[in-house]
C-alpha atoms as a PDB file:
ATOM      1  CA  MET A   1      87.578 -25.209 -48.816  1.00  0.00           C
ATOM      2  CA  ALA A   2      84.703 -23.077 -50.178  1.00  0.00           C
ATOM      3  CA  LYS A   3      83.526 -20.223 -47.959  1.00  0.00           C
ATOM      4  CA  ASP A   4      80.090 -21.785 -47.441  1.00  0.00           C
ATOM      5  CA  GLN A   5      81.634 -25.050 -46.226  1.00  0.00           C
ATOM      6  CA  ARG A   6      83.865 -23.556 -43.538  1.00  0.00           C
ATOM      7  CA  PRO A   7      83.010 -24.741 -39.998  1.00  0.00           C
ATOM      8  CA  ARG A   8      80.827 -22.382 -37.975  1.00  0.00           C
ATOM      9  CA  LEU A   9      81.128 -21.678 -34.254  1.00  0.00           C
ATOM     10  CA  ARG A  10      78.526 -23.912 -32.547  1.00  0.00           C
ATOM     11  CA  ALA A  11      77.368 -24.529 -29.006  1.00  0.00           C
ATOM     12  CA  ALA A  12      75.201 -27.340 -27.684  1.00  0.00           C
ATOM     13  CA  PRO A  13      71.491 -26.510 -27.390  1.00  0.00           C
ATOM     14  CA  LEU A  14      69.928 -26.173 -23.959  1.00  0.00           C
ATOM     15  CA  GLU A  15      67.876 -29.055 -22.625  1.00  0.00           C
ATOM     16  CA  LYS A  16      65.224 -26.501 -21.552  1.00  0.00           C
ATOM     17  CA  PRO A  17      65.427 -23.682 -24.113  1.00  0.00           C
ATOM     18  CA  PHE A  18      64.410 -20.103 -23.542  1.00  0.00           C
ATOM     19  CA  ARG A  19      61.089 -19.220 -25.139  1.00  0.00           C
ATOM     20  CA  ILE A  20      60.813 -16.057 -27.218  1.00  0.00           C
ATOM     21  CA  VAL A  21      57.321 -14.616 -26.821  1.00  0.00           C
ATOM     22  CA  LEU A  22      56.142 -11.796 -29.099  1.00  0.00           C
ATOM     23  CA  ILE A  23      52.819 -10.234 -28.213  1.00  0.00           C
ATOM     24  CA  GLU A  24      51.033  -8.857 -31.278  1.00  0.00           C
ATOM     25  CA  PRO A  25      54.116  -8.159 -33.414  1.00  0.00           C
ATOM     26  CA  GLU A  26      53.374  -5.663 -36.172  1.00  0.00           C
ATOM     27  CA  ILE A  27      56.383  -5.597 -38.497  1.00  0.00           C
ATOM     28  CA  PRO A  28      57.071  -8.750 -40.542  1.00  0.00           C
ATOM     29  CA  GLN A  29      60.776  -7.966 -41.025  1.00  0.00           C
ATOM     30  CA  ASN A  30      61.305  -7.856 -37.243  1.00  0.00           C
ATOM     31  CA  THR A  31      59.511 -11.146 -36.760  1.00  0.00           C
ATOM     32  CA  GLY A  32      61.517 -12.636 -39.646  1.00  0.00           C
ATOM     33  CA  ASN A  33      64.782 -11.574 -37.997  1.00  0.00           C
ATOM     34  CA  ILE A  34      63.605 -12.941 -34.646  1.00  0.00           C
ATOM     35  CA  ALA A  35      62.554 -16.200 -36.320  1.00  0.00           C
ATOM     36  CA  ARG A  36      66.087 -16.570 -37.697  1.00  0.00           C
ATOM     37  CA  LEU A  37      67.466 -15.909 -34.197  1.00  0.00           C
ATOM     38  CA  SER A  38      65.037 -18.501 -32.866  1.00  0.00           C
ATOM     39  CA  ALA A  39      66.249 -21.095 -35.372  1.00  0.00           C
ATOM     40  CA  ALA A  40      69.919 -20.245 -34.737  1.00  0.00           C
ATOM     41  CA  THR A  41      69.561 -20.667 -30.970  1.00  0.00           C
ATOM     42  CA  GLN A  42      66.937 -23.429 -31.004  1.00  0.00           C
ATOM     43  CA  SER A  43      64.684 -21.203 -28.904  1.00  0.00           C
ATOM     44  CA  PRO A  44      60.976 -21.758 -29.610  1.00  0.00           C
ATOM     45  CA  LEU A  45      59.127 -18.727 -30.966  1.00  0.00           C
ATOM     46  CA  HIS A  46      55.666 -17.975 -29.618  1.00  0.00           C
ATOM     47  CA  LEU A  47      53.474 -15.478 -31.451  1.00  0.00           C
ATOM     48  CA  VAL A  48      50.636 -14.214 -29.272  1.00  0.00           C
ATOM     49  CA  GLY A  49      47.450 -12.435 -30.347  1.00  0.00           C
ATOM     50  CA  ARG A  50      46.775 -10.669 -33.630  1.00  0.00           C
ATOM     51  CA  LEU A  51      49.698 -10.402 -35.990  1.00  0.00           C
ATOM     52  CA  GLY A  52      50.234  -7.365 -38.194  1.00  0.00           C
ATOM     53  CA  PHE A  53      51.087  -9.657 -41.141  1.00  0.00           C
ATOM     54  CA  ARG A  54      50.550 -13.142 -42.530  1.00  0.00           C
ATOM     55  CA  ILE A  55      52.795 -16.137 -41.836  1.00  0.00           C
ATOM     56  CA  ASP A  56      51.202 -18.652 -44.160  1.00  0.00           C
ATOM     57  CA  GLU A  57      53.475 -20.700 -46.427  1.00  0.00           C
ATOM     58  CA  HIS A  58      53.028 -18.376 -49.405  1.00  0.00           C
ATOM     59  CA  ALA A  59      53.887 -15.229 -47.420  1.00  0.00           C
ATOM     60  CA  VAL A  60      56.929 -16.855 -45.812  1.00  0.00           C
ATOM     61  CA  ARG A  61      58.218 -18.171 -49.155  1.00  0.00           C
ATOM     62  CA  ARG A  62      57.671 -14.774 -50.805  1.00  0.00           C
ATOM     63  CA  ALA A  63      59.673 -13.097 -48.044  1.00  0.00           C
ATOM     64  CA  GLY A  64      62.592 -15.471 -48.730  1.00  0.00           C
ATOM     65  CA  LEU A  65      62.635 -16.942 -45.228  1.00  0.00           C
ATOM     66  CA  ASP A  66      64.412 -20.150 -46.220  1.00  0.00           C
ATOM     67  CA  TYR A  67      65.058 -21.087 -42.579  1.00  0.00           C
ATOM     68  CA  TRP A  68      61.363 -20.894 -41.506  1.00  0.00           C
ATOM     69  CA  HIS A  69      61.121 -24.701 -41.386  1.00  0.00           C
ATOM     70  CA  LEU A  70      63.807 -24.669 -38.652  1.00  0.00           C
ATOM     71  CA  VAL A  71      61.722 -22.432 -36.362  1.00  0.00           C
ATOM     72  CA  GLN A  72      59.847 -24.120 -33.523  1.00  0.00           C
ATOM     73  CA  LEU A  73      56.736 -21.952 -33.848  1.00  0.00           C
ATOM     74  CA  GLU A  74      53.596 -21.824 -31.746  1.00  0.00           C
ATOM     75  CA  GLN A  75      50.735 -19.367 -32.034  1.00  0.00           C
ATOM     76  CA  HIS A  76      48.529 -18.436 -29.088  1.00  0.00           C
ATOM     77  CA  TYR A  77      45.210 -16.632 -28.943  1.00  0.00           C
ATOM     78  CA  ASP A  78      46.354 -14.476 -26.024  1.00  0.00           C
ATOM     79  CA  PHE A  79      48.939 -14.391 -23.219  1.00  0.00           C
ATOM     80  CA  ALA A  80      46.672 -16.391 -20.897  1.00  0.00           C
ATOM     81  CA  HIS A  81      46.610 -19.164 -23.521  1.00  0.00           C
ATOM     82  CA  PHE A  82      50.425 -19.124 -23.699  1.00  0.00           C
ATOM     83  CA  ARG A  83      50.680 -19.251 -19.868  1.00  0.00           C
ATOM     84  CA  HIS A  84      48.260 -22.176 -19.714  1.00  0.00           C
ATOM     85  CA  ALA A  85      50.142 -24.103 -22.414  1.00  0.00           C
ATOM     86  CA  HIS A  86      53.546 -23.431 -20.805  1.00  0.00           C
ATOM     87  CA  GLN A  87      52.881 -23.298 -17.068  1.00  0.00           C
ATOM     88  CA  GLY A  88      56.509 -23.932 -16.123  1.00  0.00           C
ATOM     89  CA  ALA A  89      57.818 -20.966 -18.119  1.00  0.00           C
ATOM     90  CA  ARG A  90      58.725 -18.112 -15.785  1.00  0.00           C
ATOM     91  CA  PRO A  91      57.832 -14.810 -17.470  1.00  0.00           C
ATOM     92  CA  ARG A  92      60.583 -12.213 -17.953  1.00  0.00           C
ATOM     93  CA  LEU A  93      58.981  -9.122 -19.485  1.00  0.00           C
ATOM     94  CA  PHE A  94      60.897  -6.456 -21.386  1.00  0.00           C
ATOM     95  CA  SER A  95      59.829  -2.853 -21.635  1.00  0.00           C
ATOM     96  CA  ALA A  96      61.378   0.533 -22.391  1.00  0.00           C
ATOM     97  CA  VAL A  97      59.679   1.842 -19.216  1.00  0.00           C
ATOM     98  CA  ALA A  98      61.204  -0.764 -16.876  1.00  0.00           C
ATOM     99  CA  LYS A  99      62.963   0.283 -13.683  1.00  0.00           C
ATOM    100  CA  LYS A 100      65.497  -2.598 -13.759  1.00  0.00           C
ATOM    101  CA  SER A 101      68.099  -3.510 -16.364  1.00  0.00           C
ATOM    102  CA  TYR A 102      68.100  -6.842 -18.187  1.00  0.00           C
ATOM    103  CA  LEU A 103      71.635  -7.196 -16.778  1.00  0.00           C
ATOM    104  CA  ASP A 104      70.055  -7.488 -13.315  1.00  0.00           C
ATOM    105  CA  ALA A 105      67.699 -10.277 -14.375  1.00  0.00           C
ATOM    106  CA  ASP A 106      68.478 -13.804 -13.295  1.00  0.00           C
ATOM    107  CA  PHE A 107      67.685 -15.955 -16.300  1.00  0.00           C
ATOM    108  CA  ARG A 108      67.011 -19.672 -16.043  1.00  0.00           C
ATOM    109  CA  PRO A 109      66.590 -22.177 -18.877  1.00  0.00           C
ATOM    110  CA  GLY A 110      62.917 -22.487 -19.776  1.00  0.00           C
ATOM    111  CA  ASP A 111      62.115 -18.829 -19.032  1.00  0.00           C
ATOM    112  CA  ALA A 112      59.696 -16.997 -21.320  1.00  0.00           C
ATOM    113  CA  LEU A 113      61.274 -13.816 -22.698  1.00  0.00           C
ATOM    114  CA  VAL A 114      58.230 -11.632 -23.381  1.00  0.00           C
ATOM    115  CA  PHE A 115      58.240  -8.617 -25.724  1.00  0.00           C
ATOM    116  CA  GLY A 116      55.433  -6.327 -26.841  1.00  0.00           C
ATOM    117  CA  LYS A 117      54.418  -4.848 -30.157  1.00  0.00           C
ATOM    118  CA  GLU A 118      56.726  -2.406 -31.877  1.00  0.00           C
ATOM    119  CA  SER A 119      54.451   0.652 -31.604  1.00  0.00           C
ATOM    120  CA  VAL A 120      53.539   0.576 -27.899  1.00  0.00           C
ATOM    121  CA  GLY A 121      55.328  -2.334 -26.207  1.00  0.00           C
ATOM    122  CA  LEU A 122      53.597  -4.421 -23.555  1.00  0.00           C
ATOM    123  CA  ASP A 123      50.334  -3.132 -22.151  1.00  0.00           C
ATOM    124  CA  ASP A 124      50.306  -1.635 -18.661  1.00  0.00           C
ATOM    125  CA  GLU A 125      47.989  -4.339 -17.290  1.00  0.00           C
ATOM    126  CA  LEU A 126      50.525  -7.043 -18.109  1.00  0.00           C
ATOM    127  CA  LEU A 127      53.430  -5.018 -16.681  1.00  0.00           C
ATOM    128  CA  GLU A 128      51.453  -4.421 -13.477  1.00  0.00           C
ATOM    129  CA  ARG A 129      50.622  -8.130 -13.149  1.00  0.00           C
ATOM    130  CA  PHE A 130      54.347  -9.064 -13.088  1.00  0.00           C
ATOM    131  CA  PRO A 131      56.048  -6.000 -11.491  1.00  0.00           C
ATOM    132  CA  ASP A 132      59.105  -7.923 -10.258  1.00  0.00           C
ATOM    133  CA  ASP A 133      59.686  -9.510 -13.656  1.00  0.00           C
ATOM    134  CA  VAL A 134      59.917  -6.392 -15.847  1.00  0.00           C
ATOM    135  CA  PHE A 135      63.310  -5.429 -17.260  1.00  0.00           C
ATOM    136  CA  GLY A 136      64.637  -3.002 -19.831  1.00  0.00           C
ATOM    137  CA  ILE A 137      67.712  -2.424 -21.944  1.00  0.00           C
ATOM    138  CA  PRO A 138      69.448   0.822 -20.959  1.00  0.00           C
ATOM    139  CA  THR A 139      70.130   3.274 -23.757  1.00  0.00           C
ATOM    140  CA  LEU A 140      72.668   6.073 -23.751  1.00  0.00           C
ATOM    141  CA  GLY A 141      70.845   8.407 -26.105  1.00  0.00           C
ATOM    142  CA  PRO A 142      67.402   9.978 -26.306  1.00  0.00           C
ATOM    143  CA  VAL A 143      65.729   7.330 -28.495  1.00  0.00           C
ATOM    144  CA  ARG A 144      62.367   6.020 -27.256  1.00  0.00           C
ATOM    145  CA  SER A 145      63.353   2.355 -27.536  1.00  0.00           C
ATOM    146  CA  LEU A 146      65.433  -0.162 -29.471  1.00  0.00           C
ATOM    147  CA  ASN A 147      64.290  -2.105 -32.511  1.00  0.00           C
ATOM    148  CA  LEU A 148      62.371  -5.202 -31.407  1.00  0.00           C
ATOM    149  CA  ALA A 149      64.635  -7.689 -33.202  1.00  0.00           C
ATOM    150  CA  ASN A 150      67.728  -6.072 -31.677  1.00  0.00           C
ATOM    151  CA  ALA A 151      66.182  -6.091 -28.195  1.00  0.00           C
ATOM    152  CA  VAL A 152      65.294  -9.783 -28.447  1.00  0.00           C
ATOM    153  CA  ALA A 153      68.836 -10.642 -29.604  1.00  0.00           C
ATOM    154  CA  ILE A 154      70.466  -8.675 -26.776  1.00  0.00           C
ATOM    155  CA  VAL A 155      68.288 -10.280 -24.100  1.00  0.00           C
ATOM    156  CA  LEU A 156      68.406 -13.811 -25.497  1.00  0.00           C
ATOM    157  CA  TYR A 157      72.193 -13.876 -25.742  1.00  0.00           C
ATOM    158  CA  GLU A 158      72.538 -12.555 -22.189  1.00  0.00           C
ATOM    159  CA  ALA A 159      70.154 -15.301 -21.035  1.00  0.00           C
ATOM    160  CA  LEU A 160      72.171 -17.907 -22.960  1.00  0.00           C
ATOM    161  CA  ARG A 161      75.400 -16.539 -21.451  1.00  0.00           C
ATOM    162  CA  GLN A 162      73.997 -16.727 -17.920  1.00  0.00           C
ATOM    163  CA  ALA A 163      72.782 -20.284 -18.528  1.00  0.00           C
ATOM    164  CA  GLY A 164      76.282 -21.318 -19.646  1.00  0.00           C
ATOM    165  CA  ALA A 165      74.990 -22.273 -23.078  1.00  0.00           C
ATOM    166  CA  LEU A 166      77.754 -20.427 -24.915  1.00  0.00           C
ATOM    167  CA  GLU A 167      80.618 -22.042 -22.996  1.00  0.00           C
ATOM    168  CA  GLY A 168      82.516 -24.647 -24.925  1.00  0.00           C
ATOM    169  CA  ALA A 169      81.415 -23.322 -28.298  1.00  0.00           C
ATOM    170  CA  ALA A 170      83.636 -24.783 -31.018  1.00  0.00           C
ATOM    171  CA  PRO A 171      83.786 -24.913 -34.798  1.00  0.00           C
ATOM    172  CA  GLY A 172      81.607 -27.686 -36.102  1.00  0.00           C
END
């Protein structure tokens, strides 16, 4: 059997998927990696506010994002617009300045996993509005923060693990 035709490890998608919410992402490569993660986990991707790049068909094709059509993508003018459109989504905010670890978060299917822009993260006003829902990823070294795409992957897979979505994964 050719390498490309070998079965891949698959799990059933969640009935209520986690939502990945990026507020004003600045780096197209990060958003491209997160979009691939979104497609691989069937987690809708929400882009909020001004983007630091274009995502029109030409730009996506030029970047070689051949999985873009698999991404459940929504764009929102601002976070209030996202909240109005998805009122049932409980916000779980992620910040390098959080006081609680993502490992202490209780994730539920349908939660909105909210991340800020690469340069400054989430703004203080938003963090102050949801003080009990702010979590971070502990680091062992002196770096300021993790790469956005890595942070989203770490958090999303912990959320999927807690929701039991990875149990029963089998080649398919």
